C-alpha atoms as a PDB file:
ATOM      1  CA  MET A   1    -133.573 -11.684  63.187  1.00  0.00           C
ATOM      2  CA  VAL A   2    -135.406 -11.774  66.487  1.00  0.00           C
ATOM      3  CA  ARG A   3    -138.440  -9.833  67.559  1.00  0.00           C
ATOM      4  CA  PHE A   4    -137.261  -7.557  70.357  1.00  0.00           C
ATOM      5  CA  LYS A   5    -138.748  -7.834  73.842  1.00  0.00           C
ATOM      6  CA  PHE A   6    -138.339  -4.634  75.800  1.00  0.00           C
ATOM      7  CA  PRO A   7    -136.623  -4.659  79.205  1.00  0.00           C
ATOM      8  CA  PRO A   8    -137.674  -2.062  81.804  1.00  0.00           C
ATOM      9  CA  PRO A   9    -137.232   1.553  80.653  1.00  0.00           C
ATOM     10  CA  ALA A  10    -134.024   3.383  81.463  1.00  0.00           C
ATOM     11  CA  ALA A  11    -133.164   7.069  81.556  1.00  0.00           C
ATOM     12  CA  PRO A  12    -132.864   8.664  78.120  1.00  0.00           C
ATOM     13  CA  PRO A  13    -129.359   9.257  76.724  1.00  0.00           C
ATOM     14  CA  MET A  14    -127.745  12.515  77.644  1.00  0.00           C
ATOM     15  CA  TYR A  15    -126.191  13.199  74.188  1.00  0.00           C
ATOM     16  CA  SER A  16    -129.563  13.548  72.469  1.00  0.00           C
ATOM     17  CA  ARG A  17    -129.561  16.191  69.744  1.00  0.00           C
ATOM     18  CA  SER A  18    -133.234  15.762  69.053  1.00  0.00           C
ATOM     19  CA  SER A  19    -136.325  14.861  70.951  1.00  0.00           C
ATOM     20  CA  GLU A  20    -138.522  14.359  67.912  1.00  0.00           C
ATOM     21  CA  PRO A  21    -141.267  11.862  68.765  1.00  0.00           C
ATOM     22  CA  VAL A  22    -141.518   8.854  66.493  1.00  0.00           C
ATOM     23  CA  ARG A  23    -144.032   6.073  65.952  1.00  0.00           C
ATOM     24  CA  PHE A  24    -143.174   3.074  63.813  1.00  0.00           C
ATOM     25  CA  GLU A  25    -145.611   2.798  60.932  1.00  0.00           C
ATOM     26  CA  ARG A  26    -144.550  -0.780  60.100  1.00  0.00           C
ATOM     27  CA  ASP A  27    -142.398  -3.563  61.484  1.00  0.00           C
ATOM     28  CA  CYS A  28    -138.809  -2.428  61.069  1.00  0.00           C
ATOM     29  CA  PRO A  29    -135.451  -4.158  61.194  1.00  0.00           C
ATOM     30  CA  ALA A  30    -133.115  -2.394  63.601  1.00  0.00           C
ATOM     31  CA  VAL A  31    -129.808  -2.866  65.402  1.00  0.00           C
ATOM     32  CA  LEU A  32    -129.652  -2.759  69.178  1.00  0.00           C
ATOM     33  CA  VAL A  33    -127.019  -0.237  70.330  1.00  0.00           C
ATOM     34  CA  PRO A  34    -124.312  -0.847  71.521  1.00  0.00           C
ATOM     35  CA  GLN A  35    -124.577  -4.642  71.403  1.00  0.00           C
ATOM     36  CA  GLY A  36    -125.014  -4.760  67.616  1.00  0.00           C
ATOM     37  CA  ASP A  37    -127.791  -7.379  67.698  1.00  0.00           C
ATOM     38  CA  ALA A  38    -130.273  -7.436  64.818  1.00  0.00           C
ATOM     39  CA  VAL A  39    -133.841  -7.065  66.071  1.00  0.00           C
ATOM     40  CA  ASN A  40    -137.298  -6.243  64.728  1.00  0.00           C
ATOM     41  CA  LEU A  41    -139.217  -3.309  66.137  1.00  0.00           C
ATOM     42  CA  PRO A  42    -142.960  -3.882  65.727  1.00  0.00           C
ATOM     43  CA  ALA A  43    -145.344  -1.431  64.118  1.00  0.00           C
ATOM     44  CA  GLY A  44    -146.811   0.906  66.731  1.00  0.00           C
ATOM     45  CA  SER A  45    -143.604   1.153  68.797  1.00  0.00           C
ATOM     46  CA  VAL A  46    -143.104   4.708  70.025  1.00  0.00           C
ATOM     47  CA  GLY A  47    -140.071   6.663  71.170  1.00  0.00           C
ATOM     48  CA  TYR A  48    -137.992   9.528  69.881  1.00  0.00           C
ATOM     49  CA  ILE A  49    -135.077  10.211  67.538  1.00  0.00           C
ATOM     50  CA  THR A  50    -131.849  10.970  69.345  1.00  0.00           C
ATOM     51  CA  GLN A  51    -129.588  11.204  66.320  1.00  0.00           C
ATOM     52  CA  ALA A  52    -130.417  11.783  62.650  1.00  0.00           C
ATOM     53  CA  LEU A  53    -127.104  11.968  60.822  1.00  0.00           C
ATOM     54  CA  GLY A  54    -125.853  10.614  57.516  1.00  0.00           C
ATOM     55  CA  GLY A  55    -129.234   9.229  56.487  1.00  0.00           C
ATOM     56  CA  SER A  56    -129.561   6.770  59.360  1.00  0.00           C
ATOM     57  CA  TYR A  57    -131.372   7.253  62.652  1.00  0.00           C
ATOM     58  CA  THR A  58    -130.755   6.406  66.286  1.00  0.00           C
ATOM     59  CA  VAL A  59    -134.033   6.033  68.155  1.00  0.00           C
ATOM     60  CA  PHE A  60    -134.752   5.661  71.861  1.00  0.00           C
ATOM     61  CA  VAL A  61    -137.566   3.162  72.421  1.00  0.00           C
ATOM     62  CA  GLU A  62    -138.591   1.667  75.767  1.00  0.00           C
ATOM     63  CA  GLY A  63    -135.268   2.465  77.414  1.00  0.00           C
ATOM     64  CA  ASN A  64    -133.057   1.182  74.594  1.00  0.00           C
ATOM     65  CA  LEU A  65    -131.228   2.681  71.642  1.00  0.00           C
ATOM     66  CA  PHE A  66    -131.692   1.306  68.138  1.00  0.00           C
ATOM     67  CA  ARG A  67    -130.117   2.169  64.799  1.00  0.00           C
ATOM     68  CA  ILE A  68    -132.500   2.442  61.864  1.00  0.00           C
ATOM     69  CA  ALA A  69    -130.847   2.197  58.431  1.00  0.00           C
ATOM     70  CA  GLY A  70    -131.588   4.834  55.828  1.00  0.00           C
ATOM     71  CA  GLN A  71    -133.449   2.419  53.582  1.00  0.00           C
ATOM     72  CA  ASP A  72    -135.970   1.897  56.398  1.00  0.00           C
ATOM     73  CA  ALA A  73    -136.518   5.625  57.000  1.00  0.00           C
ATOM     74  CA  ASP A  74    -140.120   5.298  55.799  1.00  0.00           C
ATOM     75  CA  ALA A  75    -140.904   3.151  58.865  1.00  0.00           C
ATOM     76  CA  ILE A  76    -140.544   6.265  61.013  1.00  0.00           C
ATOM     77  CA  GLY A  77    -142.080   8.685  58.514  1.00  0.00           C
ATOM     78  CA  LYS A  78    -138.817   9.918  57.007  1.00  0.00           C
ATOM     79  CA  GLU A  79    -137.677  10.158  53.388  1.00  0.00           C
ATOM     80  CA  PRO A  80    -134.685   8.101  52.225  1.00  0.00           C
ATOM     81  CA  ALA A  81    -131.603  10.026  51.058  1.00  0.00           C
ATOM     82  CA  ASP A  82    -131.426  11.221  47.443  1.00  0.00           C
ATOM     83  CA  PRO A  83    -129.392   9.102  45.025  1.00  0.00           C
ATOM     84  CA  ILE A  84    -125.729  10.042  44.611  1.00  0.00           C
ATOM     85  CA  GLU A  85    -124.819  11.808  41.405  1.00  0.00           C
ATOM     86  CA  LEU A  86    -121.478  11.617  39.601  1.00  0.00           C
ATOM     87  CA  GLN A  87    -120.643  13.763  36.619  1.00  0.00           C
ATOM     88  CA  GLU A  88    -120.333  11.778  33.393  1.00  0.00           C
ATOM     89  CA  GLY A  89    -116.700  11.057  32.573  1.00  0.00           C
ATOM     90  CA  ALA A  90    -115.531  11.713  36.146  1.00  0.00           C
ATOM     91  CA  ASP A  91    -111.967  10.536  36.809  1.00  0.00           C
ATOM     92  CA  ASP A  92    -110.641   8.499  39.737  1.00  0.00           C
ATOM     93  CA  GLU A  93    -109.777  11.633  41.694  1.00  0.00           C
ATOM     94  CA  ALA A  94    -113.378  12.877  41.475  1.00  0.00           C
ATOM     95  CA  VAL A  95    -114.642   9.467  42.608  1.00  0.00           C
ATOM     96  CA  GLU A  96    -112.172   9.453  45.518  1.00  0.00           C
ATOM     97  CA  GLN A  97    -113.472  12.860  46.649  1.00  0.00           C
ATOM     98  CA  LEU A  98    -116.987  11.421  46.541  1.00  0.00           C
ATOM     99  CA  VAL A  99    -115.820   8.382  48.531  1.00  0.00           C
ATOM    100  CA  TRP A 100    -114.551  10.656  51.323  1.00  0.00           C
ATOM    101  CA  LYS A 101    -117.786  12.627  51.176  1.00  0.00           C
ATOM    102  CA  GLN A 102    -119.773   9.410  51.595  1.00  0.00           C
ATOM    103  CA  LEU A 103    -117.558   8.309  54.470  1.00  0.00           C
ATOM    104  CA  ARG A 104    -118.506  11.515  56.249  1.00  0.00           C
ATOM    105  CA  THR A 105    -122.132  10.279  56.234  1.00  0.00           C
ATOM    106  CA  CYS A 106    -121.203   7.242  58.350  1.00  0.00           C
ATOM    107  CA  PHE A 107    -121.757   7.616  62.080  1.00  0.00           C
ATOM    108  CA  ASP A 108    -121.449   5.486  65.162  1.00  0.00           C
ATOM    109  CA  PRO A 109    -125.039   5.467  66.511  1.00  0.00           C
ATOM    110  CA  GLU A 110    -123.749   6.557  69.927  1.00  0.00           C
ATOM    111  CA  ILE A 111    -121.390   9.300  68.789  1.00  0.00           C
ATOM    112  CA  PRO A 112    -122.611  12.284  66.764  1.00  0.00           C
ATOM    113  CA  ILE A 113    -119.356  12.583  64.795  1.00  0.00           C
ATOM    114  CA  ASN A 114    -118.666  10.935  61.457  1.00  0.00           C
ATOM    115  CA  VAL A 115    -116.071   8.170  61.116  1.00  0.00           C
ATOM    116  CA  VAL A 116    -113.656  10.400  59.196  1.00  0.00           C
ATOM    117  CA  ASP A 117    -113.560  13.169  61.816  1.00  0.00           C
ATOM    118  CA  LEU A 118    -113.357  10.526  64.539  1.00  0.00           C
ATOM    119  CA  GLY A 119    -110.139   9.348  62.874  1.00  0.00           C
ATOM    120  CA  LEU A 120    -111.440   5.834  62.249  1.00  0.00           C
ATOM    121  CA  VAL A 121    -110.675   5.757  58.505  1.00  0.00           C
ATOM    122  CA  TYR A 122    -106.987   5.182  57.866  1.00  0.00           C
ATOM    123  CA  GLN A 123    -107.061   4.888  54.068  1.00  0.00           C
ATOM    124  CA  ALA A 124    -109.419   4.999  51.072  1.00  0.00           C
ATOM    125  CA  THR A 125    -108.121   4.369  47.585  1.00  0.00           C
ATOM    126  CA  VAL A 126    -109.825   4.123  44.203  1.00  0.00           C
ATOM    127  CA  ALA A 127    -108.586   1.938  41.344  1.00  0.00           C
ATOM    128  CA  PRO A 128    -109.988   0.957  37.934  1.00  0.00           C
ATOM    129  CA  HIS A 129    -111.695  -2.425  37.892  1.00  0.00           C
ATOM    130  CA  PRO A 130    -109.316  -4.887  36.162  1.00  0.00           C
ATOM    131  CA  GLU A 131    -112.087  -6.677  34.273  1.00  0.00           C
ATOM    132  CA  ARG A 132    -114.896  -4.133  33.858  1.00  0.00           C
ATOM    133  CA  PRO A 133    -113.919  -0.971  32.001  1.00  0.00           C
ATOM    134  CA  GLY A 134    -115.517   2.166  33.414  1.00  0.00           C
ATOM    135  CA  GLU A 135    -116.033   0.639  36.848  1.00  0.00           C
ATOM    136  CA  ARG A 136    -113.926   1.017  39.956  1.00  0.00           C
ATOM    137  CA  LEU A 137    -112.815  -0.798  43.092  1.00  0.00           C
ATOM    138  CA  VAL A 138    -112.447   1.040  46.407  1.00  0.00           C
ATOM    139  CA  ALA A 139    -110.193  -0.232  49.216  1.00  0.00           C
ATOM    140  CA  ILE A 140    -110.777   1.176  52.702  1.00  0.00           C
ATOM    141  CA  SER A 141    -108.956   0.416  55.911  1.00  0.00           C
ATOM    142  CA  MET A 142    -110.605   1.569  59.118  1.00  0.00           C
ATOM    143  CA  THR A 143    -110.631   0.885  62.819  1.00  0.00           C
ATOM    144  CA  LEU A 144    -112.968   1.210  65.825  1.00  0.00           C
ATOM    145  CA  THR A 145    -112.708   3.309  68.961  1.00  0.00           C
ATOM    146  CA  ALA A 146    -112.411  -0.006  70.870  1.00  0.00           C
ATOM    147  CA  PRO A 147    -111.644  -3.511  69.525  1.00  0.00           C
ATOM    148  CA  GLY A 148    -114.647  -5.055  71.295  1.00  0.00           C
ATOM    149  CA  CYS A 149    -117.165  -2.528  69.969  1.00  0.00           C
ATOM    150  CA  GLY A 150    -120.470  -4.307  69.355  1.00  0.00           C
ATOM    151  CA  MET A 151    -121.286  -1.934  66.524  1.00  0.00           C
ATOM    152  CA  GLY A 152    -118.139  -2.808  64.545  1.00  0.00           C
ATOM    153  CA  ASP A 153    -119.856  -4.997  61.945  1.00  0.00           C
ATOM    154  CA  VAL A 154    -122.630  -2.436  61.586  1.00  0.00           C
ATOM    155  CA  LEU A 155    -120.168   0.385  60.939  1.00  0.00           C
ATOM    156  CA  VAL A 156    -118.186  -1.691  58.416  1.00  0.00           C
ATOM    157  CA  SER A 157    -121.380  -2.597  56.554  1.00  0.00           C
ATOM    158  CA  ASP A 158    -122.548   0.990  56.599  1.00  0.00           C
ATOM    159  CA  VAL A 159    -119.240   2.174  55.106  1.00  0.00           C
ATOM    160  CA  ARG A 160    -119.315  -0.527  52.429  1.00  0.00           C
ATOM    161  CA  ASP A 161    -122.966   0.022  51.510  1.00  0.00           C
ATOM    162  CA  LYS A 162    -122.663   3.791  51.270  1.00  0.00           C
ATOM    163  CA  VAL A 163    -119.509   3.727  49.157  1.00  0.00           C
ATOM    164  CA  GLU A 164    -121.064   1.154  46.820  1.00  0.00           C
ATOM    165  CA  LEU A 165    -123.912   3.580  46.190  1.00  0.00           C
ATOM    166  CA  ILE A 166    -121.480   5.786  44.246  1.00  0.00           C
ATOM    167  CA  PRO A 167    -121.961   5.430  40.483  1.00  0.00           C
ATOM    168  CA  THR A 168    -119.127   3.400  38.810  1.00  0.00           C
ATOM    169  CA  VAL A 169    -118.062   1.809  42.132  1.00  0.00           C
ATOM    170  CA  ALA A 170    -118.465  -1.914  41.564  1.00  0.00           C
ATOM    171  CA  GLU A 171    -117.157  -3.001  44.958  1.00  0.00           C
ATOM    172  CA  ALA A 172    -115.853  -1.535  48.208  1.00  0.00           C
ATOM    173  CA  ASP A 173    -113.510  -3.721  50.210  1.00  0.00           C
ATOM    174  CA  VAL A 174    -113.482  -2.554  53.840  1.00  0.00           C
ATOM    175  CA  GLU A 175    -110.728  -3.963  56.043  1.00  0.00           C
ATOM    176  CA  LEU A 176    -111.058  -3.608  59.796  1.00  0.00           C
ATOM    177  CA  VAL A 177    -107.614  -3.078  61.389  1.00  0.00           C
ATOM    178  CA  PHE A 178    -106.387  -2.364  64.915  1.00  0.00           C
ATOM    179  CA  ASP A 179    -102.824  -1.332  64.191  1.00  0.00           C
ATOM    180  CA  PRO A 180    -102.186   1.407  64.901  1.00  0.00           C
ATOM    181  CA  PRO A 181    -104.749   1.441  67.712  1.00  0.00           C
ATOM    182  CA  TRP A 182    -107.198   4.347  67.684  1.00  0.00           C
ATOM    183  CA  GLY A 183    -106.607   7.248  70.037  1.00  0.00           C
ATOM    184  CA  ARG A 184    -108.351  10.570  70.516  1.00  0.00           C
ATOM    185  CA  HIS A 185    -105.354  12.337  68.976  1.00  0.00           C
ATOM    186  CA  MET A 186    -106.613  10.908  65.638  1.00  0.00           C
ATOM    187  CA  MET A 187    -109.821  12.949  65.860  1.00  0.00           C
ATOM    188  CA  SER A 188    -110.123  16.171  63.890  1.00  0.00           C
ATOM    189  CA  GLU A 189    -109.830  19.390  65.876  1.00  0.00           C
ATOM    190  CA  ALA A 190    -113.553  20.058  65.331  1.00  0.00           C
ATOM    191  CA  ALA A 191    -114.405  16.572  66.673  1.00  0.00           C
ATOM    192  CA  ARG A 192    -112.238  17.098  69.735  1.00  0.00           C
ATOM    193  CA  LEU A 193    -113.889  20.457  70.379  1.00  0.00           C
ATOM    194  CA  GLU A 194    -117.361  18.970  70.017  1.00  0.00           C
ATOM    195  CA  THR A 195    -116.668  16.102  72.425  1.00  0.00           C
ATOM    196  CA  GLY A 196    -114.562  18.155  74.836  1.00  0.00           C
ATOM    197  CA  MET A 197    -111.559  15.850  74.238  1.00  0.00           C
ATOM    198  CA  LEU A 198    -108.905  18.557  73.895  1.00  0.00           C
END
């Protein structure tokens, strides 16, 4: 991880849903958007939150956008998300519903629509773990809005990490596929309305 050196400031992003000021209370790992590079924002950095969805944050600092993971929320004075609860004795169907719920907490840092409503998740299946009774494996196939998206690895990791937070899920295997290629027709109607892509 490199310590980030700020280039000259640029105009703030137009999609901002928030203008909440933020000051980093400690050094914080972050991901530069949209390049996907891991950087370190030093304590004392100031900016504002442009997106706070799904437990992660997109912040605008010195003309650049950065994604702050939920586990580092304390660095900007926020509380991490509550642990996920699963009713004792829940069956595979209940876990699958929770998987889809978790997937709806995953967001591209530049687009304020979750990966499910964007149409990026093609499949999510739950199966019993073959060697560990009571535990489960989750298989997910997903795509990106563009094959060269710099945030691809970040989104895949976010999906995997959030699904593996579900009780009884031992492992989430996330496969990135590009066939069929993503198109805006795959977005939910609500997502198309929100982005104006009708």
